[in-house]
mmCIF file of all heavy atoms, coordinates in Angstrom:
data_MODEL
# 
_entry.id   MODEL 
# 
loop_
_atom_site.group_PDB 
_atom_site.id 
_atom_site.type_symbol 
_atom_site.label_atom_id 
_atom_site.label_alt_id 
_atom_site.label_comp_id 
_atom_site.label_asym_id 
_atom_site.label_entity_id 
_atom_site.label_seq_id 
_atom_site.pdbx_PDB_ins_code 
_atom_site.Cartn_x 
_atom_site.Cartn_y 
_atom_site.Cartn_z 
_atom_site.occupancy 
_atom_site.B_iso_or_equiv 
_atom_site.pdbx_formal_charge 
_atom_site.auth_seq_id 
_atom_site.auth_comp_id 
_atom_site.auth_asym_id 
_atom_site.auth_atom_id 
_atom_site.pdbx_PDB_model_num 
ATOM 1   N N   . THR A 1 1  ? 0.814  -1.216  0.000  1.00 0.00 ? 1  THR A N   1 
ATOM 2   C CA  . THR A 1 1  ? 0.000  0.000   0.000  1.00 0.00 ? 1  THR A CA  1 
ATOM 3   C C   . THR A 1 1  ? 0.848  1.266   0.000  1.00 0.00 ? 1  THR A C   1 
ATOM 4   O O   . THR A 1 1  ? 0.304  2.366   -0.118 1.00 0.00 ? 1  THR A O   1 
ATOM 5   C CB  . THR A 1 1  ? -0.936 0.015   1.226  1.00 0.00 ? 1  THR A CB  1 
ATOM 6   O OG1 . THR A 1 1  ? -0.151 -0.104  2.424  1.00 0.00 ? 1  THR A OG1 1 
ATOM 7   C CG2 . THR A 1 1  ? -1.923 -1.155  1.160  1.00 0.00 ? 1  THR A CG2 1 
ATOM 8   N N   . GLY A 1 2  ? 2.159  1.124   0.156  1.00 0.00 ? 2  GLY A N   1 
ATOM 9   C CA  . GLY A 1 2  ? 3.025  2.297   0.132  1.00 0.00 ? 2  GLY A CA  1 
ATOM 10  C C   . GLY A 1 2  ? 4.463  1.926   0.426  1.00 0.00 ? 2  GLY A C   1 
ATOM 11  O O   . GLY A 1 2  ? 4.773  0.782   0.801  1.00 0.00 ? 2  GLY A O   1 
ATOM 12  N N   . PHE A 1 3  ? 5.361  2.903   0.217  1.00 0.00 ? 3  PHE A N   1 
ATOM 13  C CA  . PHE A 1 3  ? 6.787  2.703   0.475  1.00 0.00 ? 3  PHE A CA  1 
ATOM 14  C C   . PHE A 1 3  ? 7.227  3.580   1.645  1.00 0.00 ? 3  PHE A C   1 
ATOM 15  O O   . PHE A 1 3  ? 6.729  4.697   1.823  1.00 0.00 ? 3  PHE A O   1 
ATOM 16  C CB  . PHE A 1 3  ? 7.628  3.072   -0.757 1.00 0.00 ? 3  PHE A CB  1 
ATOM 17  C CG  . PHE A 1 3  ? 7.452  2.141   -1.919 1.00 0.00 ? 3  PHE A CG  1 
ATOM 18  C CD1 . PHE A 1 3  ? 6.553  2.438   -2.935 1.00 0.00 ? 3  PHE A CD1 1 
ATOM 19  C CD2 . PHE A 1 3  ? 8.190  0.971   -2.009 1.00 0.00 ? 3  PHE A CD2 1 
ATOM 20  C CE1 . PHE A 1 3  ? 6.391  1.585   -4.016 1.00 0.00 ? 3  PHE A CE1 1 
ATOM 21  C CE2 . PHE A 1 3  ? 8.026  0.109   -3.090 1.00 0.00 ? 3  PHE A CE2 1 
ATOM 22  C CZ  . PHE A 1 3  ? 7.123  0.413   -4.093 1.00 0.00 ? 3  PHE A CZ  1 
ATOM 23  N N   . ASP A 1 4  ? 8.168  3.081   2.415  1.00 0.00 ? 4  ASP A N   1 
ATOM 24  C CA  . ASP A 1 4  ? 8.825  3.866   3.459  1.00 0.00 ? 4  ASP A CA  1 
ATOM 25  C C   . ASP A 1 4  ? 10.130 4.394   2.865  1.00 0.00 ? 4  ASP A C   1 
ATOM 26  O O   . ASP A 1 4  ? 11.105 3.652   2.725  1.00 0.00 ? 4  ASP A O   1 
ATOM 27  C CB  . ASP A 1 4  ? 9.081  2.987   4.693  1.00 0.00 ? 4  ASP A CB  1 
ATOM 28  C CG  . ASP A 1 4  ? 9.784  3.755   5.808  1.00 0.00 ? 4  ASP A CG  1 
ATOM 29  O OD1 . ASP A 1 4  ? 9.919  4.992   5.686  1.00 0.00 ? 4  ASP A OD1 1 
ATOM 30  O OD2 . ASP A 1 4  ? 10.224 3.119   6.792  1.00 0.00 ? 4  ASP A OD2 1 
ATOM 31  N N   . ILE A 1 5  ? 10.121 5.667   2.484  1.00 0.00 ? 5  ILE A N   1 
ATOM 32  C CA  . ILE A 1 5  ? 11.286 6.289   1.841  1.00 0.00 ? 5  ILE A CA  1 
ATOM 33  C C   . ILE A 1 5  ? 11.761 7.441   2.713  1.00 0.00 ? 5  ILE A C   1 
ATOM 34  O O   . ILE A 1 5  ? 10.990 8.344   3.036  1.00 0.00 ? 5  ILE A O   1 
ATOM 35  C CB  . ILE A 1 5  ? 10.936 6.789   0.422  1.00 0.00 ? 5  ILE A CB  1 
ATOM 36  C CG1 . ILE A 1 5  ? 10.498 5.605   -0.462 1.00 0.00 ? 5  ILE A CG1 1 
ATOM 37  C CG2 . ILE A 1 5  ? 12.119 7.520   -0.206 1.00 0.00 ? 5  ILE A CG2 1 
ATOM 38  C CD1 . ILE A 1 5  ? 9.985  6.004   -1.824 1.00 0.00 ? 5  ILE A CD1 1 
ATOM 39  N N   . GLN A 1 6  ? 13.031 7.411   3.095  1.00 0.00 ? 6  GLN A N   1 
ATOM 40  C CA  . GLN A 1 6  ? 13.619 8.446   3.946  1.00 0.00 ? 6  GLN A CA  1 
ATOM 41  C C   . GLN A 1 6  ? 14.896 8.970   3.303  1.00 0.00 ? 6  GLN A C   1 
ATOM 42  O O   . GLN A 1 6  ? 15.810 8.194   2.990  1.00 0.00 ? 6  GLN A O   1 
ATOM 43  C CB  . GLN A 1 6  ? 13.925 7.873   5.338  1.00 0.00 ? 6  GLN A CB  1 
ATOM 44  C CG  . GLN A 1 6  ? 12.710 7.323   6.079  1.00 0.00 ? 6  GLN A CG  1 
ATOM 45  C CD  . GLN A 1 6  ? 13.095 6.627   7.370  1.00 0.00 ? 6  GLN A CD  1 
ATOM 46  O OE1 . GLN A 1 6  ? 14.191 6.840   7.915  1.00 0.00 ? 6  GLN A OE1 1 
ATOM 47  N NE2 . GLN A 1 6  ? 12.201 5.782   7.877  1.00 0.00 ? 6  GLN A NE2 1 
ATOM 48  N N   . ASN A 1 7  ? 14.927 10.280  3.063  1.00 0.00 ? 7  ASN A N   1 
ATOM 49  C CA  . ASN A 1 7  ? 16.105 10.933  2.468  1.00 0.00 ? 7  ASN A CA  1 
ATOM 50  C C   . ASN A 1 7  ? 16.507 10.283  1.144  1.00 0.00 ? 7  ASN A C   1 
ATOM 51  O O   . ASN A 1 7  ? 17.692 10.080  0.858  1.00 0.00 ? 7  ASN A O   1 
ATOM 52  C CB  . ASN A 1 7  ? 17.289 10.917  3.449  1.00 0.00 ? 7  ASN A CB  1 
ATOM 53  C CG  . ASN A 1 7  ? 16.975 11.632  4.751  1.00 0.00 ? 7  ASN A CG  1 
ATOM 54  O OD1 . ASN A 1 7  ? 16.341 12.686  4.740  1.00 0.00 ? 7  ASN A OD1 1 
ATOM 55  N ND2 . ASN A 1 7  ? 17.400 11.056  5.867  1.00 0.00 ? 7  ASN A ND2 1 
ATOM 56  N N   . GLY A 1 8  ? 15.508 9.951   0.319  1.00 0.00 ? 8  GLY A N   1 
ATOM 57  C CA  . GLY A 1 8  ? 15.777 9.375   -0.988 1.00 0.00 ? 8  GLY A CA  1 
ATOM 58  C C   . GLY A 1 8  ? 16.212 7.929   -0.980 1.00 0.00 ? 8  GLY A C   1 
ATOM 59  O O   . GLY A 1 8  ? 16.657 7.402   -2.008 1.00 0.00 ? 8  GLY A O   1 
ATOM 60  N N   . GLN A 1 9  ? 16.079 7.256   0.163  1.00 0.00 ? 9  GLN A N   1 
ATOM 61  C CA  . GLN A 1 9  ? 16.487 5.854   0.293  1.00 0.00 ? 9  GLN A CA  1 
ATOM 62  C C   . GLN A 1 9  ? 15.294 5.029   0.754  1.00 0.00 ? 9  GLN A C   1 
ATOM 63  O O   . GLN A 1 9  ? 14.609 5.402   1.701  1.00 0.00 ? 9  GLN A O   1 
ATOM 64  C CB  . GLN A 1 9  ? 17.619 5.740   1.320  1.00 0.00 ? 9  GLN A CB  1 
ATOM 65  C CG  . GLN A 1 9  ? 17.980 4.323   1.734  1.00 0.00 ? 9  GLN A CG  1 
ATOM 66  C CD  . GLN A 1 9  ? 18.860 3.618   0.732  1.00 0.00 ? 9  GLN A CD  1 
ATOM 67  O OE1 . GLN A 1 9  ? 19.736 4.237   0.141  1.00 0.00 ? 9  GLN A OE1 1 
ATOM 68  N NE2 . GLN A 1 9  ? 18.647 2.335   0.536  1.00 0.00 ? 9  GLN A NE2 1 
ATOM 69  N N   . VAL A 1 10 ? 15.034 3.912   0.083  1.00 0.00 ? 10 VAL A N   1 
ATOM 70  C CA  . VAL A 1 10 ? 13.919 3.058   0.495  1.00 0.00 ? 10 VAL A CA  1 
ATOM 71  C C   . VAL A 1 10 ? 14.308 2.310   1.770  1.00 0.00 ? 10 VAL A C   1 
ATOM 72  O O   . VAL A 1 10 ? 15.429 1.808   1.902  1.00 0.00 ? 10 VAL A O   1 
ATOM 73  C CB  . VAL A 1 10 ? 13.514 2.085   -0.627 1.00 0.00 ? 10 VAL A CB  1 
ATOM 74  C CG1 . VAL A 1 10 ? 14.576 1.023   -0.874 1.00 0.00 ? 10 VAL A CG1 1 
ATOM 75  C CG2 . VAL A 1 10 ? 12.171 1.431   -0.334 1.00 0.00 ? 10 VAL A CG2 1 
ATOM 76  N N   . LYS A 1 11 ? 13.376 2.273   2.713  1.00 0.00 ? 11 LYS A N   1 
ATOM 77  C CA  . LYS A 1 11 ? 13.618 1.601   3.993  1.00 0.00 ? 11 LYS A CA  1 
ATOM 78  C C   . LYS A 1 11 ? 12.691 0.412   4.219  1.00 0.00 ? 11 LYS A C   1 
ATOM 79  O O   . LYS A 1 11 ? 12.887 -0.369  5.144  1.00 0.00 ? 11 LYS A O   1 
ATOM 80  C CB  . LYS A 1 11 ? 13.437 2.598   5.148  1.00 0.00 ? 11 LYS A CB  1 
ATOM 81  C CG  . LYS A 1 11 ? 14.413 3.761   5.129  1.00 0.00 ? 11 LYS A CG  1 
ATOM 82  C CD  . LYS A 1 11 ? 15.845 3.301   5.350  1.00 0.00 ? 11 LYS A CD  1 
ATOM 83  C CE  . LYS A 1 11 ? 16.794 4.484   5.420  1.00 0.00 ? 11 LYS A CE  1 
ATOM 84  N NZ  . LYS A 1 11 ? 18.204 4.056   5.612  1.00 0.00 ? 11 LYS A NZ  1 
ATOM 85  N N   . GLY A 1 12 ? 11.668 0.292   3.368  1.00 0.00 ? 12 GLY A N   1 
ATOM 86  C CA  . GLY A 1 12 ? 10.716 -0.798  3.532  1.00 0.00 ? 12 GLY A CA  1 
ATOM 87  C C   . GLY A 1 12 ? 9.418  -0.495  2.818  1.00 0.00 ? 12 GLY A C   1 
ATOM 88  O O   . GLY A 1 12 ? 9.331  0.462   2.020  1.00 0.00 ? 12 GLY A O   1 
ATOM 89  N N   . VAL A 1 13 ? 8.401  -1.300  3.098  1.00 0.00 ? 13 VAL A N   1 
ATOM 90  C CA  . VAL A 1 13 ? 7.096  -1.124  2.459  1.00 0.00 ? 13 VAL A CA  1 
ATOM 91  C C   . VAL A 1 13 ? 5.989  -1.246  3.503  1.00 0.00 ? 13 VAL A C   1 
ATOM 92  O O   . VAL A 1 13 ? 6.164  -1.870  4.556  1.00 0.00 ? 13 VAL A O   1 
ATOM 93  C CB  . VAL A 1 13 ? 6.863  -2.164  1.339  1.00 0.00 ? 13 VAL A CB  1 
ATOM 94  C CG1 . VAL A 1 13 ? 7.896  -2.019  0.232  1.00 0.00 ? 13 VAL A CG1 1 
ATOM 95  C CG2 . VAL A 1 13 ? 6.873  -3.586  1.897  1.00 0.00 ? 13 VAL A CG2 1 
ATOM 96  N N   . HIS A 1 14 ? 4.856  -0.615  3.186  1.00 0.00 ? 14 HIS A N   1 
ATOM 97  C CA  . HIS A 1 14 ? 3.640  -0.778  3.977  1.00 0.00 ? 14 HIS A CA  1 
ATOM 98  C C   . HIS A 1 14 ? 2.746  -1.773  3.231  1.00 0.00 ? 14 HIS A C   1 
ATOM 99  O O   . HIS A 1 14 ? 2.536  -1.643  2.015  1.00 0.00 ? 14 HIS A O   1 
ATOM 100 C CB  . HIS A 1 14 ? 2.916  0.555   4.140  1.00 0.00 ? 14 HIS A CB  1 
ATOM 101 C CG  . HIS A 1 14 ? 3.796  1.670   4.633  1.00 0.00 ? 14 HIS A CG  1 
ATOM 102 N ND1 . HIS A 1 14 ? 4.452  1.635   5.841  1.00 0.00 ? 14 HIS A ND1 1 
ATOM 103 C CD2 . HIS A 1 14 ? 4.136  2.863   4.058  1.00 0.00 ? 14 HIS A CD2 1 
ATOM 104 C CE1 . HIS A 1 14 ? 5.151  2.748   6.005  1.00 0.00 ? 14 HIS A CE1 1 
ATOM 105 N NE2 . HIS A 1 14 ? 4.981  3.510   4.934  1.00 0.00 ? 14 HIS A NE2 1 
ATOM 106 N N   . THR A 1 15 ? 2.229  -2.758  3.928  1.00 0.00 ? 15 THR A N   1 
ATOM 107 C CA  . THR A 1 15 ? 1.389  -3.775  3.297  1.00 0.00 ? 15 THR A CA  1 
ATOM 108 C C   . THR A 1 15 ? 0.120  -3.997  4.100  1.00 0.00 ? 15 THR A C   1 
ATOM 109 O O   . THR A 1 15 ? -0.018 -3.497  5.229  1.00 0.00 ? 15 THR A O   1 
ATOM 110 C CB  . THR A 1 15 ? 2.132  -5.126  3.159  1.00 0.00 ? 15 THR A CB  1 
ATOM 111 O OG1 . THR A 1 15 ? 2.146  -5.791  4.430  1.00 0.00 ? 15 THR A OG1 1 
ATOM 112 C CG2 . THR A 1 15 ? 3.563  -4.937  2.680  1.00 0.00 ? 15 THR A CG2 1 
ATOM 113 N N   . THR A 1 16 ? -0.792 -4.760  3.521  1.00 0.00 ? 16 THR A N   1 
ATOM 114 C CA  . THR A 1 16 ? -2.032 -5.102  4.219  1.00 0.00 ? 16 THR A CA  1 
ATOM 115 C C   . THR A 1 16 ? -1.784 -6.062  5.368  1.00 0.00 ? 16 THR A C   1 
ATOM 116 O O   . THR A 1 16 ? -2.708 -6.336  6.149  1.00 0.00 ? 16 THR A O   1 
ATOM 117 C CB  . THR A 1 16 ? -3.037 -5.721  3.232  1.00 0.00 ? 16 THR A CB  1 
ATOM 118 O OG1 . THR A 1 16 ? -2.405 -6.818  2.541  1.00 0.00 ? 16 THR A OG1 1 
ATOM 119 C CG2 . THR A 1 16 ? -3.495 -4.691  2.207  1.00 0.00 ? 16 THR A CG2 1 
ATOM 120 N N   . ARG A 1 17 ? -0.561 -6.590  5.474  1.00 0.00 ? 17 ARG A N   1 
ATOM 121 C CA  . ARG A 1 17 ? -0.208 -7.477  6.584  1.00 0.00 ? 17 ARG A CA  1 
ATOM 122 C C   . ARG A 1 17 ? 0.876  -6.857  7.466  1.00 0.00 ? 17 ARG A C   1 
ATOM 123 O O   . ARG A 1 17 ? 1.619  -7.559  8.129  1.00 0.00 ? 17 ARG A O   1 
ATOM 124 C CB  . ARG A 1 17 ? 0.242  -8.837  6.040  1.00 0.00 ? 17 ARG A CB  1 
ATOM 125 C CG  . ARG A 1 17 ? -0.876 -9.593  5.321  1.00 0.00 ? 17 ARG A CG  1 
ATOM 126 C CD  . ARG A 1 17 ? -0.434 -10.916 4.726  1.00 0.00 ? 17 ARG A CD  1 
ATOM 127 N NE  . ARG A 1 17 ? -0.015 -11.880 5.730  1.00 0.00 ? 17 ARG A NE  1 
ATOM 128 C CZ  . ARG A 1 17 ? 0.335  -13.143 5.456  1.00 0.00 ? 17 ARG A CZ  1 
ATOM 129 N NH1 . ARG A 1 17 ? 0.284  -13.577 4.187  1.00 0.00 ? 17 ARG A NH1 1 
ATOM 130 N NH2 . ARG A 1 17 ? 0.711  -13.962 6.401  1.00 0.00 ? 17 ARG A NH2 1 
ATOM 131 N N   . GLY A 1 18 ? 0.925  -5.529  7.464  1.00 0.00 ? 18 GLY A N   1 
ATOM 132 C CA  . GLY A 1 18 ? 1.858  -4.823  8.319  1.00 0.00 ? 18 GLY A CA  1 
ATOM 133 C C   . GLY A 1 18 ? 3.052  -4.261  7.554  1.00 0.00 ? 18 GLY A C   1 
ATOM 134 O O   . GLY A 1 18 ? 3.254  -4.536  6.375  1.00 0.00 ? 18 GLY A O   1 
ATOM 135 N N   . ASP A 1 19 ? 3.844  -3.462  8.250  1.00 0.00 ? 19 ASP A N   1 
ATOM 136 C CA  . ASP A 1 19 ? 5.038  -2.860  7.655  1.00 0.00 ? 19 ASP A CA  1 
ATOM 137 C C   . ASP A 1 19 ? 6.181  -3.876  7.637  1.00 0.00 ? 19 ASP A C   1 
ATOM 138 O O   . ASP A 1 19 ? 6.363  -4.644  8.589  1.00 0.00 ? 19 ASP A O   1 
ATOM 139 C CB  . ASP A 1 19 ? 5.475  -1.633  8.450  1.00 0.00 ? 19 ASP A CB  1 
ATOM 140 C CG  . ASP A 1 19 ? 4.459  -0.495  8.357  1.00 0.00 ? 19 ASP A CG  1 
ATOM 141 O OD1 . ASP A 1 19 ? 3.526  -0.613  7.532  1.00 0.00 ? 19 ASP A OD1 1 
ATOM 142 O OD2 . ASP A 1 19 ? 4.592  0.484   9.110  1.00 0.00 ? 19 ASP A OD2 1 
ATOM 143 N N   . ILE A 1 20 ? 6.942  -3.855  6.555  1.00 0.00 ? 20 ILE A N   1 
ATOM 144 C CA  . ILE A 1 20 ? 8.099  -4.742  6.421  1.00 0.00 ? 20 ILE A CA  1 
ATOM 145 C C   . ILE A 1 20 ? 9.300  -3.885  6.023  1.00 0.00 ? 20 ILE A C   1 
ATOM 146 O O   . ILE A 1 20 ? 9.250  -3.149  5.034  1.00 0.00 ? 20 ILE A O   1 
ATOM 147 C CB  . ILE A 1 20 ? 7.860  -5.831  5.347  1.00 0.00 ? 20 ILE A CB  1 
ATOM 148 C CG1 . ILE A 1 20 ? 6.561  -6.599  5.627  1.00 0.00 ? 20 ILE A CG1 1 
ATOM 149 C CG2 . ILE A 1 20 ? 9.039  -6.785  5.292  1.00 0.00 ? 20 ILE A CG2 1 
ATOM 150 C CD1 . ILE A 1 20 ? 6.183  -7.576  4.526  1.00 0.00 ? 20 ILE A CD1 1 
ATOM 151 N N   . LYS A 1 21 ? 10.362 -3.974  6.790  1.00 0.00 ? 21 LYS A N   1 
ATOM 152 C CA  . LYS A 1 21 ? 11.580 -3.230  6.472  1.00 0.00 ? 21 LYS A CA  1 
ATOM 153 C C   . LYS A 1 21 ? 12.443 -4.027  5.497  1.00 0.00 ? 21 LYS A C   1 
ATOM 154 O O   . LYS A 1 21 ? 12.420 -5.258  5.497  1.00 0.00 ? 21 LYS A O   1 
ATOM 155 C CB  . LYS A 1 21 ? 12.370 -2.934  7.749  1.00 0.00 ? 21 LYS A CB  1 
ATOM 156 C CG  . LYS A 1 21 ? 11.669 -1.984  8.718  1.00 0.00 ? 21 LYS A CG  1 
ATOM 157 C CD  . LYS A 1 21 ? 12.529 -1.725  9.936  1.00 0.00 ? 21 LYS A CD  1 
ATOM 158 C CE  . LYS A 1 21 ? 11.836 -0.770  10.899 1.00 0.00 ? 21 LYS A CE  1 
ATOM 159 N NZ  . LYS A 1 21 ? 12.659 -0.506  12.110 1.00 0.00 ? 21 LYS A NZ  1 
ATOM 160 N N   . ALA A 1 22 ? 13.201 -3.304  4.679  1.00 0.00 ? 22 ALA A N   1 
ATOM 161 C CA  . ALA A 1 22 ? 14.097 -3.966  3.726  1.00 0.00 ? 22 ALA A CA  1 
ATOM 162 C C   . ALA A 1 22 ? 15.175 -2.999  3.293  1.00 0.00 ? 22 ALA A C   1 
ATOM 163 O O   . ALA A 1 22 ? 14.944 -1.786  3.179  1.00 0.00 ? 22 ALA A O   1 
ATOM 164 C CB  . ALA A 1 22 ? 13.324 -4.463  2.516  1.00 0.00 ? 22 ALA A CB  1 
ATOM 165 N N   . LYS A 1 23 ? 16.362 -3.542  3.042  1.00 0.00 ? 23 LYS A N   1 
ATOM 166 C CA  . LYS A 1 23 ? 17.473 -2.723  2.550  1.00 0.00 ? 23 LYS A CA  1 
ATOM 167 C C   . LYS A 1 23 ? 17.297 -2.406  1.067  1.00 0.00 ? 23 LYS A C   1 
ATOM 168 O O   . LYS A 1 23 ? 17.690 -1.335  0.599  1.00 0.00 ? 23 LYS A O   1 
ATOM 169 C CB  . LYS A 1 23 ? 18.799 -3.449  2.779  1.00 0.00 ? 23 LYS A CB  1 
ATOM 170 C CG  . LYS A 1 23 ? 19.121 -3.741  4.249  1.00 0.00 ? 23 LYS A CG  1 
ATOM 171 C CD  . LYS A 1 23 ? 20.444 -4.480  4.378  1.00 0.00 ? 23 LYS A CD  1 
ATOM 172 C CE  . LYS A 1 23 ? 20.780 -4.782  5.842  1.00 0.00 ? 23 LYS A CE  1 
ATOM 173 N NZ  . LYS A 1 23 ? 19.858 -5.782  6.424  1.00 0.00 ? 23 LYS A NZ  1 
ATOM 174 N N   . LYS A 1 24 ? 16.726 -3.361  0.336  1.00 0.00 ? 24 LYS A N   1 
ATOM 175 C CA  . LYS A 1 24 ? 16.509 -3.172  -1.098 1.00 0.00 ? 24 LYS A CA  1 
ATOM 176 C C   . LYS A 1 24 ? 15.135 -3.730  -1.467 1.00 0.00 ? 24 LYS A C   1 
ATOM 177 O O   . LYS A 1 24 ? 14.679 -4.714  -0.875 1.00 0.00 ? 24 LYS A O   1 
ATOM 178 C CB  . LYS A 1 24 ? 17.588 -3.883  -1.922 1.00 0.00 ? 24 LYS A CB  1 
ATOM 179 C CG  . LYS A 1 24 ? 18.995 -3.326  -1.720 1.00 0.00 ? 24 LYS A CG  1 
ATOM 180 C CD  . LYS A 1 24 ? 20.010 -4.078  -2.579 1.00 0.00 ? 24 LYS A CD  1 
ATOM 181 C CE  . LYS A 1 24 ? 21.413 -3.484  -2.412 1.00 0.00 ? 24 LYS A CE  1 
ATOM 182 N NZ  . LYS A 1 24 ? 22.401 -4.195  -3.262 1.00 0.00 ? 24 LYS A NZ  1 
ATOM 183 N N   . VAL A 1 25 ? 14.505 -3.105  -2.462 1.00 0.00 ? 25 VAL A N   1 
ATOM 184 C CA  . VAL A 1 25 ? 13.177 -3.530  -2.909 1.00 0.00 ? 25 VAL A CA  1 
ATOM 185 C C   . VAL A 1 25 ? 13.174 -3.614  -4.431 1.00 0.00 ? 25 VAL A C   1 
ATOM 186 O O   . VAL A 1 25 ? 13.519 -2.633  -5.115 1.00 0.00 ? 25 VAL A O   1 
ATOM 187 C CB  . VAL A 1 25 ? 12.070 -2.563  -2.436 1.00 0.00 ? 25 VAL A CB  1 
ATOM 188 C CG1 . VAL A 1 25 ? 10.708 -3.022  -2.964 1.00 0.00 ? 25 VAL A CG1 1 
ATOM 189 C CG2 . VAL A 1 25 ? 12.043 -2.466  -0.917 1.00 0.00 ? 25 VAL A CG2 1 
# 
């Protein structure tokens, strides 16, 4: 449902089953 992006760097994703962090997507 969305991306967690901080200072131009992806940090994870928002999903229907909760937030998931990731170094790369």
